[in-house]
Each structure stands twice: as structure tokens, then as C-alpha cells.
Amino acid sequence: MLSEAAMTAPKTGEKKSLYEKKRHPFDLCMKTLIYLSAAITVTLLVGILLYILINGIGHISWEFISTEYSQRASSPEKGILPMIINTVYVVVLTLLISVPIGVCAAVYLTQYAKQGRLVSAIRFATDTLAGIPSVLFALFGMSIFVSGFGFGYSILSGCLTMAICILPTIVRTTEEALLTVPSSYQEGALALGAGKLRVTMGIVLPCAVPGILTAVILAMGRIVGESAIFLFTTGTGYDMPNSLFGHIMAAGRTLTVHLYTMAKDGTAENSLEIAFATSAVLLILVFLLNRLAGALSKLLRKG
């Protein structure tokens, strides 16, 4: 009979579990540093959100959201309805311009282009454009669209400039989504006699729709949160739109530009309250967009 010690002893040649090995002090320090960094990041984010919401949510009312704005101190109209409409204009028009171009460019880079120096140069240029500060795009848009093409300070100038700014994000994110589609899907369809275009439009793109939607949502968040580009291209007009399409050629401030204008003019009456309320509306809008994106992504994955 074998003794109890012999039975519990590890067999010769048996590998010990990694958890039984002695932990080094360096690993413990790195783990502590990682958790500490994560805690600091979350604390700062929660602190900023609470600070904005506490100072702004109390000034939000139905009149604030549904009325016009007037710069006259004696006027009671301090609403942000024109800014909300201008923001919707900018988001919709910019996505209509940039999404088709970005998706087509990503399809070309992944499905049709021969991998070589040209594709590498395009990807390098795209990555470089994605890291350029938005104020440089703003100066470019003001020089080309506002002055060069004669569009003036208008929503169209801002949308064209913003489309160039978010195009690298859409191209790179869509490209990664297309590359995740299994190659066996394409090979099977091609073996059955389907053409390249049919395979791309009928198999590759539908499988990559959740990733493309992610690119659109990222671009939408960049549009909603941008201020420098619209300050230099759309101007600071706050009039209500007179028509659906005619307002595109008119100047109009977005929510972020309105927030910047109110915060800069902090000495005026109720300007800081309006700035905090506008920032709270922006936070709520971004949160709703993210929730909508998550719901659409889950729906598309189930489908």
C-alpha cells in the first residue's frame, strides 16, 4: 500500500500549474499600477459627467429645448432649438457625404486593390489624416470652401470640411470590419459561379454591417462633439431655418459652438447656466446615440 504522502506527491514529469508558481514583485507592482490607472480614469470620467449634469440638468426645461435664441439681454428667448436643428442638419448631411465615399474606399482597398505600395501609401495617408488636429481641417475648410469656392459661412461648408475630417475613421474602421469576414464565404460563392461584385455586395458587405455601423457611430460622435471646424466654417448664426434645403447655404451654429460662445461670454447674464445646460443636452444626446447604436448592432447580429 502506498503512503498518503506518496499518493499526494506530484508525479514525475508532471507540469505544475502556473498559479502554483511564485509571483514576482514586478508582476504585483504592474497589476497594482494597472488597477490604479483604471480607477483614476473611471473616477475622472464620472467626476466630469456628474459636474456637468449637476450644474446643467437643473436649467433644462421644455422652453429651453423648444424655443429660439436671442442675444438681447432683455429678451426671454434663450432656447437652443435652432442649434439642435443645425446639429441635425450637420450630422445627416456629413454622413450622407462621407459614408458612401468611405465605405467604397474600404471595399476597394480590401477587395479589388492589389496589395502593394499604392495600398500601403493610401493606408499611411489615412492614418496620418486621422491624427491631424481638427483645427487644421478648420483652417483648410475656411480657405477652400468658405473663401475659395465662395460658399461662405454656411452649413454646407462645415459639412464638407467635417466629411474630410471623419473620412479616415470611416475608411479604417470599415476596412477592419471587411477583413474580419471569413474568406471561406467568398471562396464558396466564387466556386458556385458568383461574380466578384455579387460576392462583395451580397456576402461581404452584409456580414460587415455591424462593423460599418460602428464606424458610422464613431463618426457621428466626432461630428456632434466638434467645435473648431464649425466655428471656422458654419459661423455663429442662430436664426431658425426658413426651409428644409435652403438653410444649408445659411450660417448656423451647432450645439458645441453655442456652448463655446456661451462659455466664452461668461460675464453675460445667465451665460454660464446656458453653457452648462447645453453641455448636459450634448451628453444626453451622445448617450442616446450610443444606446441606439448598441441596439442596432445587437439587432443586426441576431439577423
C-alpha atoms as a PDB file:
ATOM      1  CA  MET A   1       0.000   0.000   0.000  1.00  0.00           C
ATOM      2  CA  LEU A   2       1.246   3.432  -0.906  1.00  0.00           C
ATOM      3  CA  SER A   3       1.513   6.002   1.794  1.00  0.00           C
ATOM      4  CA  GLU A   4      -0.670   9.126   1.770  1.00  0.00           C
ATOM      5  CA  ALA A   5       2.358  11.334   1.090  1.00  0.00           C
ATOM      6  CA  ALA A   6       3.297   9.225  -1.911  1.00  0.00           C
ATOM      7  CA  MET A   7      -0.226   9.420  -3.296  1.00  0.00           C
ATOM      8  CA  THR A   8      -0.463  13.213  -2.959  1.00  0.00           C
ATOM      9  CA  ALA A   9       3.041  13.883  -4.290  1.00  0.00           C
ATOM     10  CA  PRO A  10       3.167  15.129  -7.909  1.00  0.00           C
ATOM     11  CA  LYS A  11       4.103  12.543 -10.464  1.00  0.00           C
ATOM     12  CA  THR A  12       7.494  12.663 -12.103  1.00  0.00           C
ATOM     13  CA  GLY A  13       7.461  14.803 -15.222  1.00  0.00           C
ATOM     14  CA  GLU A  14       4.054  16.363 -14.422  1.00  0.00           C
ATOM     15  CA  LYS A  15       3.927  20.113 -15.142  1.00  0.00           C
ATOM     16  CA  LYS A  16       2.952  22.368 -12.293  1.00  0.00           C
ATOM     17  CA  SER A  17       0.142  24.880 -12.753  1.00  0.00           C
ATOM     18  CA  LEU A  18       1.096  28.448 -13.468  1.00  0.00           C
ATOM     19  CA  TYR A  19      -0.892  29.561 -10.436  1.00  0.00           C
ATOM     20  CA  GLU A  20       1.411  27.499  -8.177  1.00  0.00           C
ATOM     21  CA  LYS A  21       4.482  29.363  -9.320  1.00  0.00           C
ATOM     22  CA  LYS A  22       5.838  32.116  -7.159  1.00  0.00           C
ATOM     23  CA  ARG A  23       4.692  35.558  -8.161  1.00  0.00           C
ATOM     24  CA  HIS A  24       7.393  38.103  -8.761  1.00  0.00           C
ATOM     25  CA  PRO A  25       7.207  41.524  -7.100  1.00  0.00           C
ATOM     26  CA  PHE A  26       7.359  43.192 -10.526  1.00  0.00           C
ATOM     27  CA  ASP A  27       4.139  41.439 -11.608  1.00  0.00           C
ATOM     28  CA  LEU A  28       2.389  42.569  -8.450  1.00  0.00           C
ATOM     29  CA  CYS A  29       3.545  46.152  -8.972  1.00  0.00           C
ATOM     30  CA  MET A  30       2.361  46.187 -12.590  1.00  0.00           C
ATOM     31  CA  LYS A  31      -1.020  44.726 -11.645  1.00  0.00           C
ATOM     32  CA  THR A  32      -1.428  47.356  -8.935  1.00  0.00           C
ATOM     33  CA  LEU A  33      -0.449  50.096 -11.383  1.00  0.00           C
ATOM     34  CA  ILE A  34      -2.966  48.875 -13.978  1.00  0.00           C
ATOM     35  CA  TYR A  35      -5.829  48.777 -11.479  1.00  0.00           C
ATOM     36  CA  LEU A  36      -4.846  52.186 -10.122  1.00  0.00           C
ATOM     37  CA  SER A  37      -4.775  53.703 -13.622  1.00  0.00           C
ATOM     38  CA  ALA A  38      -8.183  52.230 -14.426  1.00  0.00           C
ATOM     39  CA  ALA A  39      -9.618  53.575 -11.168  1.00  0.00           C
ATOM     40  CA  ILE A  40      -8.232  57.068 -11.807  1.00  0.00           C
ATOM     41  CA  THR A  41      -9.639  57.076 -15.349  1.00  0.00           C
ATOM     42  CA  VAL A  42     -13.103  55.983 -14.260  1.00  0.00           C
ATOM     43  CA  THR A  43     -13.090  58.448 -11.355  1.00  0.00           C
ATOM     44  CA  LEU A  44     -12.175  61.369 -13.602  1.00  0.00           C
ATOM     45  CA  LEU A  45     -14.833  60.404 -16.156  1.00  0.00           C
ATOM     46  CA  VAL A  46     -17.557  60.039 -13.536  1.00  0.00           C
ATOM     47  CA  GLY A  47     -16.481  63.291 -11.881  1.00  0.00           C
ATOM     48  CA  ILE A  48     -16.672  65.255 -15.125  1.00  0.00           C
ATOM     49  CA  LEU A  49     -20.061  63.790 -16.023  1.00  0.00           C
ATOM     50  CA  LEU A  50     -21.506  64.484 -12.591  1.00  0.00           C
ATOM     51  CA  TYR A  51     -20.114  68.019 -12.538  1.00  0.00           C
ATOM     52  CA  ILE A  52     -21.725  68.851 -15.886  1.00  0.00           C
ATOM     53  CA  LEU A  53     -25.035  67.170 -15.118  1.00  0.00           C
ATOM     54  CA  ILE A  54     -25.368  68.659 -11.634  1.00  0.00           C
ATOM     55  CA  ASN A  55     -24.703  72.172 -12.931  1.00  0.00           C
ATOM     56  CA  GLY A  56     -26.719  71.833 -16.132  1.00  0.00           C
ATOM     57  CA  ILE A  57     -29.644  69.491 -15.626  1.00  0.00           C
ATOM     58  CA  GLY A  58     -31.460  71.967 -13.374  1.00  0.00           C
ATOM     59  CA  HIS A  59     -31.524  74.610 -16.130  1.00  0.00           C
ATOM     60  CA  ILE A  60     -33.019  72.313 -18.780  1.00  0.00           C
ATOM     61  CA  SER A  61     -36.710  72.805 -19.461  1.00  0.00           C
ATOM     62  CA  TRP A  62     -39.124  72.339 -22.317  1.00  0.00           C
ATOM     63  CA  GLU A  63     -38.909  76.050 -23.115  1.00  0.00           C
ATOM     64  CA  PHE A  64     -35.120  75.802 -23.240  1.00  0.00           C
ATOM     65  CA  ILE A  65     -35.259  72.983 -25.795  1.00  0.00           C
ATOM     66  CA  SER A  66     -38.199  74.203 -27.908  1.00  0.00           C
ATOM     67  CA  THR A  67     -37.685  77.976 -28.202  1.00  0.00           C
ATOM     68  CA  GLU A  68     -35.406  80.243 -30.207  1.00  0.00           C
ATOM     69  CA  TYR A  69     -32.401  82.178 -29.001  1.00  0.00           C
ATOM     70  CA  SER A  70     -31.892  85.924 -28.802  1.00  0.00           C
ATOM     71  CA  GLN A  71     -28.757  87.813 -27.810  1.00  0.00           C
ATOM     72  CA  ARG A  72     -30.727  90.749 -26.440  1.00  0.00           C
ATOM     73  CA  ALA A  73     -30.356  90.881 -22.691  1.00  0.00           C
ATOM     74  CA  SER A  74     -33.978  91.959 -22.283  1.00  0.00           C
ATOM     75  CA  SER A  75     -35.309  89.086 -24.397  1.00  0.00           C
ATOM     76  CA  PRO A  76     -36.547  85.980 -22.533  1.00  0.00           C
ATOM     77  CA  GLU A  77     -35.767  83.753 -25.533  1.00  0.00           C
ATOM     78  CA  LYS A  78     -32.677  81.757 -24.586  1.00  0.00           C
ATOM     79  CA  GLY A  79     -33.605  78.404 -26.111  1.00  0.00           C
ATOM     80  CA  ILE A  80     -31.418  76.114 -28.212  1.00  0.00           C
ATOM     81  CA  LEU A  81     -33.908  74.828 -30.777  1.00  0.00           C
ATOM     82  CA  PRO A  82     -32.063  76.415 -33.767  1.00  0.00           C
ATOM     83  CA  MET A  83     -28.800  74.854 -32.557  1.00  0.00           C
ATOM     84  CA  ILE A  84     -30.406  71.425 -32.241  1.00  0.00           C
ATOM     85  CA  ILE A  85     -31.774  71.716 -35.789  1.00  0.00           C
ATOM     86  CA  ASN A  86     -28.393  72.872 -37.108  1.00  0.00           C
ATOM     87  CA  THR A  87     -26.691  69.935 -35.379  1.00  0.00           C
ATOM     88  CA  VAL A  88     -29.127  67.513 -37.002  1.00  0.00           C
ATOM     89  CA  TYR A  89     -28.502  69.168 -40.382  1.00  0.00           C
ATOM     90  CA  VAL A  90     -24.751  68.824 -39.955  1.00  0.00           C
ATOM     91  CA  VAL A  91     -24.857  65.200 -38.796  1.00  0.00           C
ATOM     92  CA  VAL A  92     -27.180  63.983 -41.554  1.00  0.00           C
ATOM     93  CA  LEU A  93     -25.522  65.867 -44.414  1.00  0.00           C
ATOM     94  CA  THR A  94     -21.974  64.996 -43.322  1.00  0.00           C
ATOM     95  CA  LEU A  95     -22.806  61.299 -43.078  1.00  0.00           C
ATOM     96  CA  LEU A  96     -24.511  61.378 -46.474  1.00  0.00           C
ATOM     97  CA  ILE A  97     -21.303  62.752 -47.977  1.00  0.00           C
ATOM     98  CA  SER A  98     -18.671  60.748 -46.110  1.00  0.00           C
ATOM     99  CA  VAL A  99     -20.189  57.294 -45.520  1.00  0.00           C
ATOM    100  CA  PRO A 100     -20.612  56.261 -49.202  1.00  0.00           C
ATOM    101  CA  ILE A 101     -17.118  57.505 -50.048  1.00  0.00           C
ATOM    102  CA  GLY A 102     -15.538  55.848 -47.014  1.00  0.00           C
ATOM    103  CA  VAL A 103     -17.272  52.504 -47.496  1.00  0.00           C
ATOM    104  CA  CYS A 104     -16.434  52.398 -51.218  1.00  0.00           C
ATOM    105  CA  ALA A 105     -12.813  53.254 -50.474  1.00  0.00           C
ATOM    106  CA  ALA A 106     -12.621  50.466 -47.878  1.00  0.00           C
ATOM    107  CA  VAL A 107     -14.182  47.978 -50.308  1.00  0.00           C
ATOM    108  CA  TYR A 108     -11.629  48.923 -52.955  1.00  0.00           C
ATOM    109  CA  LEU A 109      -8.693  48.572 -50.550  1.00  0.00           C
ATOM    110  CA  THR A 110      -9.776  45.147 -49.276  1.00  0.00           C
ATOM    111  CA  GLN A 111     -11.496  43.505 -52.250  1.00  0.00           C
ATOM    112  CA  TYR A 112     -10.145  44.954 -55.505  1.00  0.00           C
ATOM    113  CA  ALA A 113      -6.820  46.702 -54.965  1.00  0.00           C
ATOM    114  CA  LYS A 114      -3.611  44.752 -55.476  1.00  0.00           C
ATOM    115  CA  GLN A 115      -1.731  44.788 -52.184  1.00  0.00           C
ATOM    116  CA  GLY A 116       1.403  46.781 -52.769  1.00  0.00           C
ATOM    117  CA  ARG A 117       2.961  50.203 -52.457  1.00  0.00           C
ATOM    118  CA  LEU A 118      -0.155  52.068 -53.578  1.00  0.00           C
ATOM    119  CA  VAL A 119      -2.372  50.466 -50.945  1.00  0.00           C
ATOM    120  CA  SER A 120       0.306  50.960 -48.298  1.00  0.00           C
ATOM    121  CA  ALA A 121       0.593  54.634 -49.245  1.00  0.00           C
ATOM    122  CA  ILE A 122      -3.193  55.090 -49.065  1.00  0.00           C
ATOM    123  CA  ARG A 123      -3.351  53.468 -45.638  1.00  0.00           C
ATOM    124  CA  PHE A 124      -0.426  55.531 -44.394  1.00  0.00           C
ATOM    125  CA  ALA A 125      -2.113  58.715 -45.628  1.00  0.00           C
ATOM    126  CA  THR A 126      -5.384  57.673 -43.992  1.00  0.00           C
ATOM    127  CA  ASP A 127      -3.708  57.021 -40.655  1.00  0.00           C
ATOM    128  CA  THR A 128      -1.898  60.342 -40.896  1.00  0.00           C
ATOM    129  CA  LEU A 129      -5.101  62.254 -41.623  1.00  0.00           C
ATOM    130  CA  ALA A 130      -6.805  60.579 -38.673  1.00  0.00           C
ATOM    131  CA  GLY A 131      -4.191  62.047 -36.328  1.00  0.00           C
ATOM    132  CA  ILE A 132      -4.255  65.630 -37.623  1.00  0.00           C
ATOM    133  CA  PRO A 133      -5.813  68.155 -35.165  1.00  0.00           C
ATOM    134  CA  SER A 134      -9.260  69.319 -36.181  1.00  0.00           C
ATOM    135  CA  VAL A 135      -8.218  72.978 -36.141  1.00  0.00           C
ATOM    136  CA  LEU A 136      -6.064  72.317 -39.218  1.00  0.00           C
ATOM    137  CA  PHE A 137      -9.100  70.900 -41.005  1.00  0.00           C
ATOM    138  CA  ALA A 138     -10.963  74.018 -39.891  1.00  0.00           C
ATOM    139  CA  LEU A 139      -8.367  76.322 -41.461  1.00  0.00           C
ATOM    140  CA  PHE A 140      -8.407  74.211 -44.628  1.00  0.00           C
ATOM    141  CA  GLY A 141     -12.187  74.363 -44.854  1.00  0.00           C
ATOM    142  CA  MET A 142     -12.245  78.102 -44.271  1.00  0.00           C
ATOM    143  CA  SER A 143      -9.645  78.671 -47.004  1.00  0.00           C
ATOM    144  CA  ILE A 144     -11.120  76.265 -49.581  1.00  0.00           C
ATOM    145  CA  PHE A 145     -14.881  76.085 -49.067  1.00  0.00           C
ATOM    146  CA  VAL A 146     -15.676  79.370 -47.334  1.00  0.00           C
ATOM    147  CA  SER A 147     -13.352  81.622 -49.369  1.00  0.00           C
ATOM    148  CA  GLY A 148     -12.137  79.573 -52.353  1.00  0.00           C
ATOM    149  CA  PHE A 149     -15.434  78.116 -53.572  1.00  0.00           C
ATOM    150  CA  GLY A 150     -17.453  81.048 -52.310  1.00  0.00           C
ATOM    151  CA  PHE A 151     -19.829  79.042 -50.116  1.00  0.00           C
ATOM    152  CA  GLY A 152     -19.320  81.496 -47.275  1.00  0.00           C
ATOM    153  CA  TYR A 153     -20.067  80.675 -43.670  1.00  0.00           C
ATOM    154  CA  SER A 154     -22.684  78.021 -44.226  1.00  0.00           C
ATOM    155  CA  ILE A 155     -23.726  74.572 -43.105  1.00  0.00           C
ATOM    156  CA  LEU A 156     -22.559  73.194 -46.453  1.00  0.00           C
ATOM    157  CA  SER A 157     -19.014  74.472 -45.840  1.00  0.00           C
ATOM    158  CA  GLY A 158     -18.982  72.881 -42.409  1.00  0.00           C
ATOM    159  CA  CYS A 159     -20.329  69.565 -43.677  1.00  0.00           C
ATOM    160  CA  LEU A 160     -17.783  69.304 -46.475  1.00  0.00           C
ATOM    161  CA  THR A 161     -14.944  70.077 -44.083  1.00  0.00           C
ATOM    162  CA  MET A 162     -16.261  67.671 -41.467  1.00  0.00           C
ATOM    163  CA  ALA A 163     -16.657  64.941 -44.083  1.00  0.00           C
ATOM    164  CA  ILE A 164     -12.935  65.177 -44.863  1.00  0.00           C
ATOM    165  CA  CYS A 165     -12.146  65.056 -41.134  1.00  0.00           C
ATOM    166  CA  ILE A 166     -14.106  61.871 -40.381  1.00  0.00           C
ATOM    167  CA  LEU A 167     -13.342  60.082 -43.654  1.00  0.00           C
ATOM    168  CA  PRO A 168     -10.159  58.375 -42.321  1.00  0.00           C
ATOM    169  CA  THR A 169     -12.087  56.966 -39.349  1.00  0.00           C
ATOM    170  CA  ILE A 170     -14.794  55.541 -41.587  1.00  0.00           C
ATOM    171  CA  VAL A 171     -12.294  54.053 -44.057  1.00  0.00           C
ATOM    172  CA  ARG A 172     -10.092  52.359 -41.472  1.00  0.00           C
ATOM    173  CA  THR A 173     -12.930  51.033 -39.305  1.00  0.00           C
ATOM    174  CA  THR A 174     -14.859  49.742 -42.310  1.00  0.00           C
ATOM    175  CA  GLU A 175     -11.712  48.165 -43.691  1.00  0.00           C
ATOM    176  CA  GLU A 176     -11.148  46.256 -40.452  1.00  0.00           C
ATOM    177  CA  ALA A 177     -14.775  45.106 -40.489  1.00  0.00           C
ATOM    178  CA  LEU A 178     -14.436  43.806 -44.048  1.00  0.00           C
ATOM    179  CA  LEU A 179     -11.236  41.950 -43.229  1.00  0.00           C
ATOM    180  CA  THR A 180     -12.958  40.046 -40.426  1.00  0.00           C
ATOM    181  CA  VAL A 181     -15.349  38.368 -42.877  1.00  0.00           C
ATOM    182  CA  PRO A 182     -14.137  34.739 -43.321  1.00  0.00           C
ATOM    183  CA  SER A 183     -12.504  34.173 -46.698  1.00  0.00           C
ATOM    184  CA  SER A 184     -14.302  30.826 -46.985  1.00  0.00           C
ATOM    185  CA  TYR A 185     -17.570  32.701 -47.595  1.00  0.00           C
ATOM    186  CA  GLN A 186     -16.107  34.430 -50.636  1.00  0.00           C
ATOM    187  CA  GLU A 187     -14.338  31.323 -51.912  1.00  0.00           C
ATOM    188  CA  GLY A 188     -17.521  29.274 -51.685  1.00  0.00           C
ATOM    189  CA  ALA A 189     -19.562  31.880 -53.532  1.00  0.00           C
ATOM    190  CA  LEU A 190     -16.936  32.258 -56.243  1.00  0.00           C
ATOM    191  CA  ALA A 191     -16.769  28.477 -56.633  1.00  0.00           C
ATOM    192  CA  LEU A 192     -20.519  28.428 -57.246  1.00  0.00           C
ATOM    193  CA  GLY A 193     -20.086  30.861 -60.125  1.00  0.00           C
ATOM    194  CA  ALA A 194     -20.966  34.183 -58.474  1.00  0.00           C
ATOM    195  CA  GLY A 195     -19.184  37.267 -59.756  1.00  0.00           C
ATOM    196  CA  LYS A 196     -16.856  39.440 -57.704  1.00  0.00           C
ATOM    197  CA  LEU A 197     -19.360  42.292 -57.427  1.00  0.00           C
ATOM    198  CA  ARG A 198     -22.182  39.956 -56.402  1.00  0.00           C
ATOM    199  CA  VAL A 199     -19.994  38.351 -53.740  1.00  0.00           C
ATOM    200  CA  THR A 200     -18.955  41.749 -52.395  1.00  0.00           C
ATOM    201  CA  MET A 201     -22.444  43.244 -52.337  1.00  0.00           C
ATOM    202  CA  GLY A 202     -24.321  40.100 -51.326  1.00  0.00           C
ATOM    203  CA  ILE A 203     -21.971  38.419 -48.852  1.00  0.00           C
ATOM    204  CA  VAL A 204     -19.057  40.569 -47.691  1.00  0.00           C
ATOM    205  CA  LEU A 205     -20.900  43.826 -47.026  1.00  0.00           C
ATOM    206  CA  PRO A 206     -23.888  42.253 -45.203  1.00  0.00           C
ATOM    207  CA  CYS A 207     -21.519  40.326 -42.931  1.00  0.00           C
ATOM    208  CA  ALA A 208     -19.595  43.511 -42.167  1.00  0.00           C
ATOM    209  CA  VAL A 209     -22.667  45.669 -41.462  1.00  0.00           C
ATOM    210  CA  PRO A 210     -22.155  45.720 -37.638  1.00  0.00           C
ATOM    211  CA  GLY A 211     -18.594  46.955 -38.103  1.00  0.00           C
ATOM    212  CA  ILE A 212     -19.689  49.549 -40.647  1.00  0.00           C
ATOM    213  CA  LEU A 213     -22.357  50.712 -38.225  1.00  0.00           C
ATOM    214  CA  THR A 214     -19.652  51.112 -35.590  1.00  0.00           C
ATOM    215  CA  ALA A 215     -17.703  53.337 -37.985  1.00  0.00           C
ATOM    216  CA  VAL A 216     -20.794  55.449 -38.589  1.00  0.00           C
ATOM    217  CA  ILE A 217     -21.444  55.837 -34.867  1.00  0.00           C
ATOM    218  CA  LEU A 218     -17.834  56.830 -34.208  1.00  0.00           C
ATOM    219  CA  ALA A 219     -18.091  59.401 -36.979  1.00  0.00           C
ATOM    220  CA  MET A 220     -21.398  60.653 -35.604  1.00  0.00           C
ATOM    221  CA  GLY A 221     -19.876  61.149 -32.176  1.00  0.00           C
ATOM    222  CA  ARG A 222     -16.986  63.085 -33.714  1.00  0.00           C
ATOM    223  CA  ILE A 223     -19.438  65.314 -35.583  1.00  0.00           C
ATOM    224  CA  VAL A 224     -21.575  66.054 -32.532  1.00  0.00           C
ATOM    225  CA  GLY A 225     -18.564  66.875 -30.376  1.00  0.00           C
ATOM    226  CA  GLU A 226     -16.651  69.020 -32.884  1.00  0.00           C
ATOM    227  CA  SER A 227     -16.442  72.772 -32.373  1.00  0.00           C
ATOM    228  CA  ALA A 228     -13.349  74.203 -34.097  1.00  0.00           C
ATOM    229  CA  ILE A 229     -14.382  73.143 -37.611  1.00  0.00           C
ATOM    230  CA  PHE A 230     -17.894  74.532 -37.312  1.00  0.00           C
ATOM    231  CA  LEU A 231     -16.701  77.723 -35.672  1.00  0.00           C
ATOM    232  CA  PHE A 232     -14.482  78.435 -38.702  1.00  0.00           C
ATOM    233  CA  THR A 233     -16.919  77.262 -41.405  1.00  0.00           C
ATOM    234  CA  THR A 234     -20.576  77.390 -40.343  1.00  0.00           C
ATOM    235  CA  GLY A 235     -20.349  80.615 -38.389  1.00  0.00           C
ATOM    236  CA  THR A 236     -22.327  81.609 -35.307  1.00  0.00           C
ATOM    237  CA  GLY A 237     -25.778  82.363 -36.752  1.00  0.00           C
ATOM    238  CA  TYR A 238     -28.718  81.346 -34.608  1.00  0.00           C
ATOM    239  CA  ASP A 239     -31.750  82.037 -36.811  1.00  0.00           C
ATOM    240  CA  MET A 240     -34.440  79.410 -37.272  1.00  0.00           C
ATOM    241  CA  PRO A 241     -34.387  77.632 -40.672  1.00  0.00           C
ATOM    242  CA  ASN A 242     -36.894  79.024 -43.166  1.00  0.00           C
ATOM    243  CA  SER A 243     -36.877  75.983 -45.466  1.00  0.00           C
ATOM    244  CA  LEU A 244     -35.681  72.389 -45.469  1.00  0.00           C
ATOM    245  CA  PHE A 245     -32.895  72.673 -48.055  1.00  0.00           C
ATOM    246  CA  GLY A 246     -32.370  76.425 -48.332  1.00  0.00           C
ATOM    247  CA  HIS A 247     -30.910  76.563 -44.849  1.00  0.00           C
ATOM    248  CA  ILE A 248     -27.914  74.533 -45.991  1.00  0.00           C
ATOM    249  CA  MET A 249     -26.382  77.636 -47.545  1.00  0.00           C
ATOM    250  CA  ALA A 250     -27.034  79.738 -44.437  1.00  0.00           C
ATOM    251  CA  ALA A 251     -24.822  80.195 -41.413  1.00  0.00           C
ATOM    252  CA  GLY A 252     -25.779  78.344 -38.259  1.00  0.00           C
ATOM    253  CA  ARG A 253     -24.102  77.457 -35.005  1.00  0.00           C
ATOM    254  CA  THR A 254     -24.218  73.917 -33.674  1.00  0.00           C
ATOM    255  CA  LEU A 255     -24.646  72.908 -30.042  1.00  0.00           C
ATOM    256  CA  THR A 256     -20.895  72.774 -29.461  1.00  0.00           C
ATOM    257  CA  VAL A 257     -20.346  76.205 -30.997  1.00  0.00           C
ATOM    258  CA  HIS A 258     -23.192  77.586 -28.902  1.00  0.00           C
ATOM    259  CA  LEU A 259     -21.627  76.025 -25.820  1.00  0.00           C
ATOM    260  CA  TYR A 260     -18.269  77.607 -26.644  1.00  0.00           C
ATOM    261  CA  THR A 261     -19.863  81.004 -27.307  1.00  0.00           C
ATOM    262  CA  MET A 262     -21.775  80.997 -24.030  1.00  0.00           C
ATOM    263  CA  ALA A 263     -18.787  79.791 -22.000  1.00  0.00           C
ATOM    264  CA  LYS A 264     -16.532  82.437 -23.560  1.00  0.00           C
ATOM    265  CA  ASP A 265     -19.034  85.188 -22.747  1.00  0.00           C
ATOM    266  CA  GLY A 266     -19.138  84.203 -19.096  1.00  0.00           C
ATOM    267  CA  THR A 267     -19.773  87.748 -17.880  1.00  0.00           C
ATOM    268  CA  ALA A 268     -23.193  87.987 -19.551  1.00  0.00           C
ATOM    269  CA  GLU A 269     -26.346  87.220 -17.623  1.00  0.00           C
ATOM    270  CA  ASN A 270     -27.216  83.510 -17.449  1.00  0.00           C
ATOM    271  CA  SER A 271     -24.470  82.663 -19.969  1.00  0.00           C
ATOM    272  CA  LEU A 272     -22.814  80.067 -17.742  1.00  0.00           C
ATOM    273  CA  GLU A 273     -26.167  78.494 -16.931  1.00  0.00           C
ATOM    274  CA  ILE A 274     -26.942  78.236 -20.653  1.00  0.00           C
ATOM    275  CA  ALA A 275     -23.491  76.751 -21.291  1.00  0.00           C
ATOM    276  CA  PHE A 276     -23.940  74.078 -18.617  1.00  0.00           C
ATOM    277  CA  ALA A 277     -27.458  73.280 -19.812  1.00  0.00           C
ATOM    278  CA  THR A 278     -26.236  72.969 -23.404  1.00  0.00           C
ATOM    279  CA  SER A 279     -23.405  70.664 -22.343  1.00  0.00           C
ATOM    280  CA  ALA A 280     -25.885  68.496 -20.423  1.00  0.00           C
ATOM    281  CA  VAL A 281     -28.075  68.248 -23.537  1.00  0.00           C
ATOM    282  CA  LEU A 282     -24.996  67.206 -25.512  1.00  0.00           C
ATOM    283  CA  LEU A 283     -24.168  64.468 -23.018  1.00  0.00           C
ATOM    284  CA  ILE A 284     -27.714  63.152 -23.124  1.00  0.00           C
ATOM    285  CA  LEU A 285     -27.684  63.251 -26.938  1.00  0.00           C
ATOM    286  CA  VAL A 286     -24.409  61.322 -27.159  1.00  0.00           C
ATOM    287  CA  PHE A 287     -25.687  58.774 -24.642  1.00  0.00           C
ATOM    288  CA  LEU A 288     -28.860  58.220 -26.663  1.00  0.00           C
ATOM    289  CA  LEU A 289     -26.850  57.804 -29.861  1.00  0.00           C
ATOM    290  CA  ASN A 290     -24.611  55.211 -28.226  1.00  0.00           C
ATOM    291  CA  ARG A 291     -27.588  53.286 -26.883  1.00  0.00           C
ATOM    292  CA  LEU A 292     -29.214  53.376 -30.301  1.00  0.00           C
ATOM    293  CA  ALA A 293     -26.007  52.090 -31.869  1.00  0.00           C
ATOM    294  CA  GLY A 294     -25.808  49.242 -29.370  1.00  0.00           C
ATOM    295  CA  ALA A 295     -29.422  48.245 -30.032  1.00  0.00           C
ATOM    296  CA  LEU A 296     -28.906  48.302 -33.798  1.00  0.00           C
ATOM    297  CA  SER A 297     -25.725  46.252 -33.523  1.00  0.00           C
ATOM    298  CA  LYS A 298     -27.469  43.566 -31.459  1.00  0.00           C
ATOM    299  CA  LEU A 299     -30.380  43.522 -33.900  1.00  0.00           C
ATOM    300  CA  LEU A 300     -28.070  43.110 -36.880  1.00  0.00           C
ATOM    301  CA  ARG A 301     -26.068  40.342 -35.191  1.00  0.00           C
ATOM    302  CA  LYS A 302     -29.269  38.417 -34.450  1.00  0.00           C
ATOM    303  CA  GLY A 303     -30.412  38.867 -38.018  1.00  0.00           C
END
